[in-house]
Structures are given as structure tokens and as C-alpha cells.
Protein backbone atom coordinates (compact mmCIF):
# COMPACT_ATOMS: atom_id res chain seq x y z
CA MET A 1 -14.36 12.03 14.14
CA LYS A 2 -18.11 12.05 14.89
CA ASN A 3 -19.91 8.98 13.64
CA TRP A 4 -22.40 10.80 11.39
CA ILE A 5 -19.62 12.90 9.83
CA ARG A 6 -17.60 9.75 9.13
CA LYS A 7 -20.57 8.01 7.48
CA SER A 8 -21.40 11.09 5.41
CA LEU A 9 -17.77 11.40 4.35
CA MET A 10 -17.63 7.73 3.34
CA VAL A 11 -20.74 8.05 1.16
CA MET A 12 -19.47 11.27 -0.40
CA VAL A 13 -16.03 9.79 -1.19
CA SER A 14 -17.65 6.75 -2.80
CA ILE A 15 -19.90 8.89 -4.97
CA VAL A 16 -17.26 11.45 -5.98
CA THR A 17 -14.56 8.90 -6.88
CA PHE A 18 -16.94 6.36 -8.44
CA GLY A 19 -15.50 3.72 -6.11
CA VAL A 20 -11.87 4.18 -7.23
CA VAL A 21 -10.87 5.30 -3.74
CA THR A 22 -12.45 3.23 -1.02
CA PRO A 23 -13.79 5.05 2.00
CA SER A 24 -11.53 3.08 4.32
CA GLN A 25 -8.43 4.27 2.40
CA PHE A 26 -9.66 7.85 2.67
CA ILE A 27 -10.42 7.57 6.39
CA ASN A 28 -7.00 5.98 7.02
CA ASN A 29 -5.33 8.91 5.25
CA VAL A 30 -7.39 11.43 7.23
CA ASN A 31 -6.59 9.72 10.53
CA ALA A 32 -2.91 9.13 9.72
CA ASP A 33 -1.83 12.33 11.48
CA LYS A 34 -3.72 11.59 14.69
CA PRO A 35 -2.57 8.95 17.18
CA ALA A 36 -5.03 6.12 17.66
CA GLU A 37 -7.48 6.75 20.47
CA LYS A 38 -8.52 3.93 22.74
CA ASP A 39 -12.14 3.36 23.47
CA VAL A 40 -13.06 3.94 27.13
CA PHE A 41 -14.28 0.37 27.47
CA GLU A 42 -11.27 -1.06 25.66
CA ALA A 43 -8.86 0.70 27.99
CA ALA A 44 -10.71 -0.48 31.10
CA SER A 45 -11.37 -4.03 29.94
CA PRO A 46 -8.98 -6.72 31.24
CA SER A 47 -9.58 -8.80 28.11
CA ALA A 48 -8.83 -5.97 25.67
CA ASN A 49 -5.70 -7.75 24.39
CA VAL A 50 -7.24 -11.20 23.92
CA ASN A 51 -6.74 -11.20 20.13
CA GLN A 52 -3.15 -10.01 20.32
CA ALA A 53 -0.49 -12.65 19.88
CA ALA A 54 1.39 -13.86 22.92
CA PRO A 55 4.72 -12.13 23.48
CA MET A 56 7.62 -13.86 21.81
CA LEU A 57 10.13 -15.56 24.03
CA SER A 58 13.84 -15.54 23.50
CA GLU A 59 15.10 -18.64 21.75
CA ALA A 60 16.65 -19.85 25.03
CA HIS A 61 13.22 -19.89 26.75
CA PHE A 62 11.26 -21.19 23.77
CA ASN A 63 10.13 -24.83 23.90
CA LYS A 64 9.04 -26.15 20.48
CA ASP A 65 7.28 -29.19 21.95
CA GLU A 66 5.11 -27.06 24.24
CA PHE A 67 4.43 -24.65 21.40
CA VAL A 68 3.33 -27.50 19.07
CA GLU A 69 1.17 -28.90 21.89
CA ASP A 70 -0.54 -25.53 22.28
CA ILE A 71 -1.16 -25.23 18.53
CA ILE A 72 -2.62 -28.75 18.50
CA LYS A 73 -5.06 -27.80 21.28
CA GLN A 74 -6.07 -24.70 19.32
CA ALA A 75 -6.44 -26.82 16.16
CA GLU A 76 -8.73 -29.23 17.98
CA GLU A 77 -10.86 -26.35 19.30
CA GLN A 78 -11.08 -24.76 15.84
CA SER A 79 -12.10 -28.11 14.34
CA TYR A 80 -14.90 -28.62 16.86
CA GLN A 81 -16.07 -25.07 16.28
CA LYS A 82 -16.22 -25.81 12.54
CA PHE A 83 -18.07 -29.11 13.03
CA GLY A 84 -20.82 -27.40 15.00
CA PRO A 85 -23.24 -29.10 17.39
CA ARG A 86 -24.73 -31.46 14.79
CA ILE A 87 -21.58 -32.92 13.21
CA LYS A 88 -19.23 -32.92 16.23
CA PRO A 89 -20.97 -35.63 18.32
CA VAL A 90 -21.04 -37.99 15.33
CA ILE A 91 -17.40 -37.73 14.23
CA GLU A 92 -15.57 -36.45 17.32
CA GLN A 93 -14.08 -39.79 18.41
CA GLU A 94 -12.90 -40.75 14.92
CA PHE A 95 -11.47 -37.27 14.44
CA ARG A 96 -9.42 -37.66 17.64
CA ASN A 97 -8.21 -41.14 16.68
CA ILE A 98 -7.57 -40.70 12.95
CA VAL A 99 -7.13 -37.05 11.97
CA LEU A 100 -5.73 -35.27 15.04
CA PRO A 101 -2.57 -37.45 15.25
CA ASN A 102 -1.88 -36.65 11.58
CA ILE A 103 -2.37 -32.93 12.21
CA GLU A 104 0.16 -33.29 15.02
CA LYS A 105 2.64 -34.99 12.65
CA ALA A 106 2.22 -32.22 10.05
CA LEU A 107 2.83 -29.55 12.69
CA GLU A 108 5.87 -31.37 14.09
CA GLU A 109 7.28 -31.76 10.58
CA THR A 110 6.85 -28.02 10.02
CA ALA A 111 8.46 -27.34 13.40
CA SER A 112 11.50 -29.40 12.40
CA GLN A 113 11.97 -27.24 9.29
CA TYR A 114 11.87 -23.95 11.21
CA PRO A 115 14.50 -22.55 13.55
CA GLY A 116 12.98 -21.76 16.98
CA ALA A 117 12.98 -18.01 16.52
CA ASP A 118 11.01 -18.32 13.28
CA PHE A 119 8.69 -21.08 14.43
CA GLN A 120 7.45 -19.10 17.40
CA ASN A 121 6.20 -16.47 14.94
CA LEU A 122 3.57 -18.91 13.65
CA ILE A 123 -0.01 -18.35 14.77
CA ILE A 124 -3.28 -20.12 14.08
CA THR A 125 -6.22 -18.34 12.47
CA GLU A 126 -9.24 -17.95 14.70
CA ASP A 127 -12.33 -18.34 12.53
CA PRO A 128 -13.04 -21.60 10.69
CA GLY A 129 -15.14 -21.42 7.54
CA GLY A 130 -18.85 -22.16 7.81
CA GLY A 131 -21.45 -23.35 5.33
CA LEU A 132 -19.71 -25.38 2.62
CA SER A 133 -16.24 -23.82 3.09
CA GLU A 134 -13.30 -26.20 3.40
CA LYS A 135 -11.21 -24.07 5.78
CA ILE A 136 -10.68 -25.40 9.30
CA PHE A 137 -7.71 -23.19 10.20
CA HIS A 138 -4.53 -21.82 8.70
CA LEU A 139 -1.12 -21.56 10.31
CA LYS A 140 0.47 -18.27 9.32
CA ASP A 141 3.58 -16.26 10.00
CA ARG A 142 2.76 -13.35 12.30
CA ASN A 143 5.48 -11.15 10.74
CA THR A 144 4.65 -11.61 7.06
CA ASN A 145 0.94 -12.45 7.53
CA LEU A 146 1.41 -15.23 4.94
CA ASP A 147 -0.01 -18.74 5.31
CA VAL A 148 2.41 -21.59 5.95
CA LEU A 149 -0.09 -24.45 6.27
CA ARG A 150 -3.79 -24.59 5.39
CA PHE A 151 -5.87 -27.30 7.06
CA HIS A 152 -9.11 -28.11 5.22
CA VAL A 153 -11.93 -30.63 5.18
CA ARG A 154 -13.76 -31.48 1.96
CA ARG A 155 -17.07 -33.29 1.58
CA ASP A 156 -16.67 -36.23 -0.77
CA HIS A 157 -19.64 -38.08 -2.24
CA PRO A 158 -18.44 -41.00 -4.34
CA PRO A 159 -21.20 -42.66 -6.40
CA GLN A 160 -23.29 -44.89 -4.13
CA GLY A 161 -20.70 -44.45 -1.37
CA GLY A 162 -22.39 -42.06 1.02
CA TYR A 163 -20.75 -38.89 2.29
CA TRP A 164 -17.17 -38.71 3.55
CA PHE A 165 -15.23 -35.91 5.21
CA ASN A 166 -11.78 -35.76 3.63
CA PHE A 167 -9.29 -33.99 5.91
CA HIS A 168 -6.14 -32.65 4.24
CA TYR A 169 -3.70 -29.78 4.32
CA HIS A 170 -1.81 -27.64 1.87
CA THR A 171 1.64 -26.18 2.38
CA TYR A 172 3.50 -23.17 1.04
CA TYR A 173 6.42 -25.46 0.09
CA ASP A 174 4.47 -26.49 -3.04
CA ASP A 175 2.48 -23.25 -3.40
CA PHE A 176 -0.59 -24.92 -1.82
CA GLN A 177 -1.10 -27.08 -4.92
CA ASN A 178 -1.01 -30.61 -3.47
CA HIS A 179 -3.41 -32.24 -1.05
CA HIS A 180 -1.58 -33.87 1.86
CA GLU A 181 -4.00 -36.40 3.30
CA LEU A 182 -4.82 -36.43 7.01
CA GLY A 183 -7.62 -38.99 6.94
CA ALA A 184 -11.23 -39.53 5.95
CA ILE A 185 -14.31 -40.06 8.13
CA TYR A 186 -17.55 -41.57 6.89
CA TRP A 187 -20.69 -39.54 7.60
CA ALA A 188 -23.73 -41.41 6.23
CA LYS A 189 -25.78 -41.76 3.06
CA ASP A 190 -27.72 -38.63 4.00
CA THR A 191 -26.35 -35.19 3.17
CA PRO A 192 -24.45 -33.78 6.18
CA PRO A 193 -25.51 -30.44 7.64
CA LYS A 194 -23.51 -27.32 6.79
CA TRP A 195 -20.45 -26.52 8.86
CA LYS A 196 -20.93 -24.58 12.12
CA CYS A 197 -24.66 -25.39 12.16
């Protein structure tokens, strides 16, 4: 559909339905009969499938230890992305020594509770929260799109105690209600910059 027609249709649908039907629902219904077309650049690009999950291996070829190792590397990258260039140099070493081993333990514990075929369906989210958001990354099931583990960092400021980064995770086993501690890192008495800045 031409771009200007699509935009006009979206505005018209919003006005006519008073927002009850969202334009994206309407467009999805209109395009449901047509097969999805690939963009010329997407079809030619070698990195067009970068965001797609890796193909699943049969349980015989699946190695949980290697899989956990790969998730830990991704978790470390996501954490550094969240810290940004101002926080990362200050807490990087403590994060590696204190928090990362505990993230590894939490992931290994989750791996022990999953059969191989189910565990290989777990993927890590790609975009950590910025600003004042607690989210570092979530581990979710690719099939159900539901979170299994949520790894967060909270800024604590106890009275006269400076600022601390409290790393913790939540799990679906307790409906994400409890904080499972991963460690705390002292920042300073000054307010830390926002995440990803």
C-alpha cells in the first residue's frame, strides 16, 4: 500500500472509530490476505536476519553449558550497554567480580530446572532500560514470549550512605514478587548519571 494512502487511512480510522480500533489492527486486517513483501534492501542485505533467534538444535546436539556461557556473554554486554560510558568505567571491575558470577549462578540454576529442549528456547531481550529504569535484561521463552527471569538494577540511597546500585533478579516461579539479590556496588555520595548516558 502506498505510504500516503496508509497514513491517510490510519488517521481516518482513528477519527471514525474514536480510537476504539487502532490503526495497526485495521492495517493488519487489510494486509492479512496479502503475503508479506520483503523490502529490496532487506532481501539483499546479509544481516537481514540478525534479530532472528538462532536455529534450535536437536537435544542431542544441544550443550547447556555452552548455551549458558553464551547467555552470560550477552548479559554482560547488555549490562555495559545499560551502564553507558559514564557509569561503566567506574563500576565495571566490581560488576565482573561481584555481580556477574551471581548472574551466572542464577542462569545455571534455571538451566538445571529446564529440560534441554525447553531451555534452548530461552532468549535474552536486546534493549536495556535507560534513564531511571531498573531493567537490564529479561530472559524469556521464545515460544510463549513470556519472561522467565528479569534482571534489574535499582539505585539505593540510604540516609547519609551515598548511592548504591542494587543488582537483583525476579523469577516467574514466584510471579516476580521477590527480589533475589545479586550484589550491590557503591557509587559515591553524588547522584549517579542516568542509565545509558
